[in-house]
Amino acid sequence: MALAAAAKRQIITGNQNHKTDVGSPEVQIALLSTRISQLTEHFKTHKHDHSSRRGLLSLVARRRRLLTYLKNNTPERYKAVLVKLGIRH
C-alpha cells in the first residue's frame, strides 16, 4: 500500500532543502522510513506475508545505500537526518 498523496506531500515539505526539492537524499530517506514503519506495523498482524517482507527488505537496503551516500559525502547532513528521523539512536 503506497503512501497517500497528502501524507507524502507533508513528508516532502518537512524534509526539503529548498522550495522545489523533491528528490534529495533527505527527502528520499524520510519517505522510505515512513514506508518501512508502515510495513513493520503491517507485519505485527500479518506474520506470514512473505512477499511484502521481501519488499520491506528492499526498502531497507535502498535506505541504507542512501544513508551511506550521505555519510560519505556530507557527514553533517547525515547526522542531521539521523537525528530528525530518529534512525540509529
N, C-alpha and C. Protein backbone atom coordinates (compact mmCIF):
# COMPACT_ATOMS: atom_id res chain seq x y z
N MET A 1 0.84 -1.17 0.00
CA MET A 1 0.00 0.00 0.00
C MET A 1 0.89 1.24 0.00
N ALA A 2 0.70 2.08 -0.97
CA ALA A 2 1.53 3.28 -1.12
C ALA A 2 1.07 4.37 -0.15
N LEU A 3 1.92 5.35 0.02
CA LEU A 3 1.57 6.49 0.86
C LEU A 3 0.49 7.33 0.20
N ALA A 4 -0.39 7.90 1.00
CA ALA A 4 -1.40 8.81 0.47
C ALA A 4 -0.72 10.08 -0.03
N ALA A 5 -1.32 10.71 -1.01
CA ALA A 5 -0.71 11.89 -1.62
C ALA A 5 -0.50 13.01 -0.60
N ALA A 6 -1.47 13.22 0.28
CA ALA A 6 -1.34 14.29 1.27
C ALA A 6 -0.23 13.98 2.27
N ALA A 7 -0.14 12.72 2.69
CA ALA A 7 0.91 12.33 3.64
C ALA A 7 2.28 12.46 3.00
N LYS A 8 2.37 12.06 1.74
CA LYS A 8 3.64 12.15 1.03
C LYS A 8 4.08 13.61 0.88
N ARG A 9 3.13 14.48 0.54
CA ARG A 9 3.42 15.90 0.38
C ARG A 9 3.91 16.49 1.71
N GLN A 10 3.29 16.07 2.81
CA GLN A 10 3.68 16.57 4.13
C GLN A 10 5.10 16.13 4.49
N ILE A 11 5.43 14.89 4.19
CA ILE A 11 6.78 14.38 4.46
C ILE A 11 7.81 15.13 3.62
N ILE A 12 7.47 15.37 2.37
CA ILE A 12 8.40 16.08 1.48
C ILE A 12 8.64 17.50 1.97
N THR A 13 7.57 18.23 2.32
CA THR A 13 7.75 19.61 2.78
C THR A 13 8.50 19.68 4.10
N GLY A 14 8.38 18.66 4.92
CA GLY A 14 9.08 18.65 6.20
C GLY A 14 10.56 18.35 6.09
N ASN A 15 11.01 17.83 4.93
CA ASN A 15 12.41 17.43 4.78
C ASN A 15 13.10 18.09 3.60
N GLN A 16 12.49 19.08 2.99
CA GLN A 16 13.08 19.75 1.83
C GLN A 16 14.27 20.62 2.22
N ASN A 17 15.23 20.73 1.30
CA ASN A 17 16.35 21.65 1.48
C ASN A 17 16.02 23.03 0.93
N HIS A 18 15.16 23.08 -0.08
CA HIS A 18 14.68 24.33 -0.66
C HIS A 18 13.28 24.10 -1.19
N LYS A 19 12.65 25.12 -1.69
CA LYS A 19 11.22 25.08 -2.03
C LYS A 19 10.85 24.02 -3.06
N THR A 20 11.69 23.79 -4.05
CA THR A 20 11.35 22.84 -5.12
C THR A 20 12.04 21.49 -4.96
N ASP A 21 12.61 21.23 -3.82
CA ASP A 21 13.35 19.99 -3.57
C ASP A 21 12.38 18.83 -3.33
N VAL A 22 12.42 17.83 -4.21
CA VAL A 22 11.60 16.63 -4.02
C VAL A 22 12.42 15.35 -4.14
N GLY A 23 13.70 15.45 -4.45
CA GLY A 23 14.47 14.25 -4.70
C GLY A 23 15.79 14.16 -3.97
N SER A 24 16.04 15.05 -3.03
CA SER A 24 17.31 14.99 -2.29
C SER A 24 17.33 13.73 -1.43
N PRO A 25 18.51 13.30 -1.04
CA PRO A 25 18.60 12.10 -0.21
C PRO A 25 17.79 12.21 1.08
N GLU A 26 17.73 13.40 1.67
CA GLU A 26 16.96 13.57 2.90
C GLU A 26 15.49 13.27 2.69
N VAL A 27 14.94 13.75 1.60
CA VAL A 27 13.52 13.52 1.28
C VAL A 27 13.29 12.04 1.00
N GLN A 28 14.18 11.44 0.20
CA GLN A 28 14.03 10.03 -0.13
C GLN A 28 14.11 9.15 1.11
N ILE A 29 15.05 9.45 2.01
CA ILE A 29 15.20 8.68 3.24
C ILE A 29 13.97 8.82 4.12
N ALA A 30 13.41 10.02 4.20
CA ALA A 30 12.22 10.24 5.01
C ALA A 30 11.03 9.45 4.46
N LEU A 31 10.86 9.45 3.14
CA LEU A 31 9.77 8.70 2.53
C LEU A 31 9.95 7.20 2.75
N LEU A 32 11.17 6.72 2.57
CA LEU A 32 11.44 5.29 2.79
C LEU A 32 11.22 4.91 4.25
N SER A 33 11.64 5.77 5.18
CA SER A 33 11.47 5.48 6.60
C SER A 33 10.00 5.37 6.97
N THR A 34 9.18 6.24 6.41
CA THR A 34 7.75 6.18 6.68
C THR A 34 7.16 4.88 6.15
N ARG A 35 7.53 4.52 4.95
CA ARG A 35 7.02 3.28 4.35
C ARG A 35 7.51 2.06 5.14
N ILE A 36 8.75 2.09 5.60
CA ILE A 36 9.29 0.98 6.39
C ILE A 36 8.52 0.84 7.70
N SER A 37 8.22 1.95 8.35
CA SER A 37 7.47 1.86 9.61
C SER A 37 6.05 1.36 9.37
N GLN A 38 5.44 1.73 8.24
CA GLN A 38 4.11 1.21 7.91
C GLN A 38 4.15 -0.30 7.72
N LEU A 39 5.14 -0.78 6.98
CA LEU A 39 5.25 -2.21 6.75
C LEU A 39 5.56 -2.97 8.03
N THR A 40 6.35 -2.37 8.90
CA THR A 40 6.67 -3.01 10.17
C THR A 40 5.40 -3.21 10.99
N GLU A 41 4.53 -2.20 11.01
CA GLU A 41 3.24 -2.33 11.71
C GLU A 41 2.37 -3.40 11.04
N HIS A 42 2.40 -3.47 9.73
CA HIS A 42 1.63 -4.46 8.99
C HIS A 42 2.04 -5.87 9.40
N PHE A 43 3.33 -6.08 9.61
CA PHE A 43 3.81 -7.42 9.94
C PHE A 43 3.49 -7.85 11.36
N LYS A 44 3.08 -6.92 12.20
CA LYS A 44 2.68 -7.30 13.55
C LYS A 44 1.39 -8.11 13.52
N THR A 45 0.54 -7.87 12.52
CA THR A 45 -0.71 -8.63 12.41
C THR A 45 -0.68 -9.67 11.30
N HIS A 46 0.18 -9.50 10.31
CA HIS A 46 0.27 -10.42 9.18
C HIS A 46 1.65 -11.05 9.14
N LYS A 47 1.89 -11.97 10.04
CA LYS A 47 3.23 -12.55 10.19
C LYS A 47 3.69 -13.37 9.00
N HIS A 48 2.76 -13.91 8.23
CA HIS A 48 3.13 -14.82 7.14
C HIS A 48 3.09 -14.16 5.76
N ASP A 49 3.10 -12.86 5.71
CA ASP A 49 3.09 -12.14 4.43
C ASP A 49 4.53 -12.00 3.93
N HIS A 50 5.02 -13.07 3.34
CA HIS A 50 6.43 -13.11 2.98
C HIS A 50 6.75 -12.28 1.74
N SER A 51 5.81 -12.12 0.84
CA SER A 51 6.10 -11.32 -0.35
C SER A 51 6.27 -9.84 0.01
N SER A 52 5.48 -9.37 0.96
CA SER A 52 5.66 -7.98 1.41
C SER A 52 6.93 -7.84 2.23
N ARG A 53 7.32 -8.89 2.92
CA ARG A 53 8.56 -8.85 3.70
C ARG A 53 9.76 -8.67 2.77
N ARG A 54 9.69 -9.29 1.60
CA ARG A 54 10.76 -9.13 0.62
C ARG A 54 10.84 -7.68 0.16
N GLY A 55 9.68 -7.05 -0.03
CA GLY A 55 9.66 -5.64 -0.39
C GLY A 55 10.23 -4.77 0.71
N LEU A 56 9.93 -5.12 1.95
CA LEU A 56 10.47 -4.38 3.10
C LEU A 56 12.00 -4.44 3.09
N LEU A 57 12.54 -5.61 2.84
CA LEU A 57 13.99 -5.75 2.82
C LEU A 57 14.62 -4.91 1.71
N SER A 58 13.94 -4.80 0.58
CA SER A 58 14.50 -3.97 -0.49
C SER A 58 14.43 -2.49 -0.12
N LEU A 59 13.36 -2.07 0.59
CA LEU A 59 13.27 -0.68 1.04
C LEU A 59 14.36 -0.36 2.05
N VAL A 60 14.61 -1.29 2.96
CA VAL A 60 15.66 -1.08 3.97
C VAL A 60 17.02 -0.98 3.29
N ALA A 61 17.26 -1.82 2.30
CA ALA A 61 18.54 -1.78 1.58
C ALA A 61 18.70 -0.46 0.83
N ARG A 62 17.62 0.03 0.21
CA ARG A 62 17.69 1.30 -0.52
C ARG A 62 17.98 2.45 0.43
N ARG A 63 17.32 2.44 1.61
CA ARG A 63 17.56 3.49 2.60
C ARG A 63 19.00 3.43 3.10
N ARG A 64 19.51 2.21 3.31
CA ARG A 64 20.88 2.05 3.77
C ARG A 64 21.87 2.62 2.76
N ARG A 65 21.63 2.38 1.47
CA ARG A 65 22.52 2.92 0.43
C ARG A 65 22.48 4.44 0.41
N LEU A 66 21.30 5.02 0.56
CA LEU A 66 21.20 6.48 0.59
C LEU A 66 21.91 7.06 1.82
N LEU A 67 21.76 6.39 2.96
CA LEU A 67 22.44 6.86 4.17
C LEU A 67 23.96 6.76 4.02
N THR A 68 24.44 5.70 3.40
CA THR A 68 25.87 5.55 3.15
C THR A 68 26.38 6.66 2.24
N TYR A 69 25.60 6.98 1.21
CA TYR A 69 25.96 8.07 0.31
C TYR A 69 26.10 9.39 1.07
N LEU A 70 25.11 9.69 1.91
CA LEU A 70 25.16 10.92 2.69
C LEU A 70 26.35 10.92 3.64
N LYS A 71 26.58 9.80 4.29
CA LYS A 71 27.67 9.69 5.27
C LYS A 71 29.03 9.94 4.61
N ASN A 72 29.21 9.41 3.40
CA ASN A 72 30.48 9.56 2.70
C ASN A 72 30.68 10.95 2.12
N ASN A 73 29.61 11.61 1.68
CA ASN A 73 29.74 12.90 1.01
C ASN A 73 29.55 14.10 1.92
N THR A 74 28.56 14.06 2.79
CA THR A 74 28.30 15.19 3.69
C THR A 74 27.89 14.66 5.06
N PRO A 75 28.86 14.39 5.92
CA PRO A 75 28.56 13.81 7.23
C PRO A 75 27.63 14.66 8.09
N GLU A 76 27.67 15.99 7.95
CA GLU A 76 26.79 16.81 8.77
C GLU A 76 25.33 16.64 8.37
N ARG A 77 25.05 16.50 7.08
CA ARG A 77 23.68 16.23 6.64
C ARG A 77 23.24 14.84 7.09
N TYR A 78 24.16 13.89 7.06
CA TYR A 78 23.88 12.52 7.52
C TYR A 78 23.45 12.52 8.98
N LYS A 79 24.21 13.22 9.81
CA LYS A 79 23.88 13.28 11.24
C LYS A 79 22.56 13.99 11.48
N ALA A 80 22.29 15.03 10.69
CA ALA A 80 21.03 15.76 10.83
C ALA A 80 19.83 14.87 10.48
N VAL A 81 19.98 14.06 9.45
CA VAL A 81 18.90 13.15 9.05
C VAL A 81 18.65 12.10 10.14
N LEU A 82 19.72 11.56 10.68
CA LEU A 82 19.56 10.55 11.73
C LEU A 82 18.84 11.11 12.95
N VAL A 83 19.20 12.31 13.33
CA VAL A 83 18.56 12.94 14.49
C VAL A 83 17.10 13.27 14.18
N LYS A 84 16.85 13.83 13.01
CA LYS A 84 15.49 14.25 12.66
C LYS A 84 14.52 13.07 12.56
N LEU A 85 14.99 11.96 11.97
CA LEU A 85 14.11 10.82 11.76
C LEU A 85 14.18 9.78 12.88
N GLY A 86 15.13 9.94 13.78
CA GLY A 86 15.25 9.00 14.89
C GLY A 86 15.76 7.63 14.46
N ILE A 87 16.61 7.61 13.46
CA ILE A 87 17.20 6.35 12.99
C ILE A 87 18.52 6.14 13.72
N ARG A 88 18.82 4.92 14.06
CA ARG A 88 20.10 4.55 14.71
C ARG A 88 20.42 5.43 15.91
N HIS A 89 19.55 5.46 16.86
CA HIS A 89 19.74 6.32 18.04
C HIS A 89 20.76 5.75 18.90
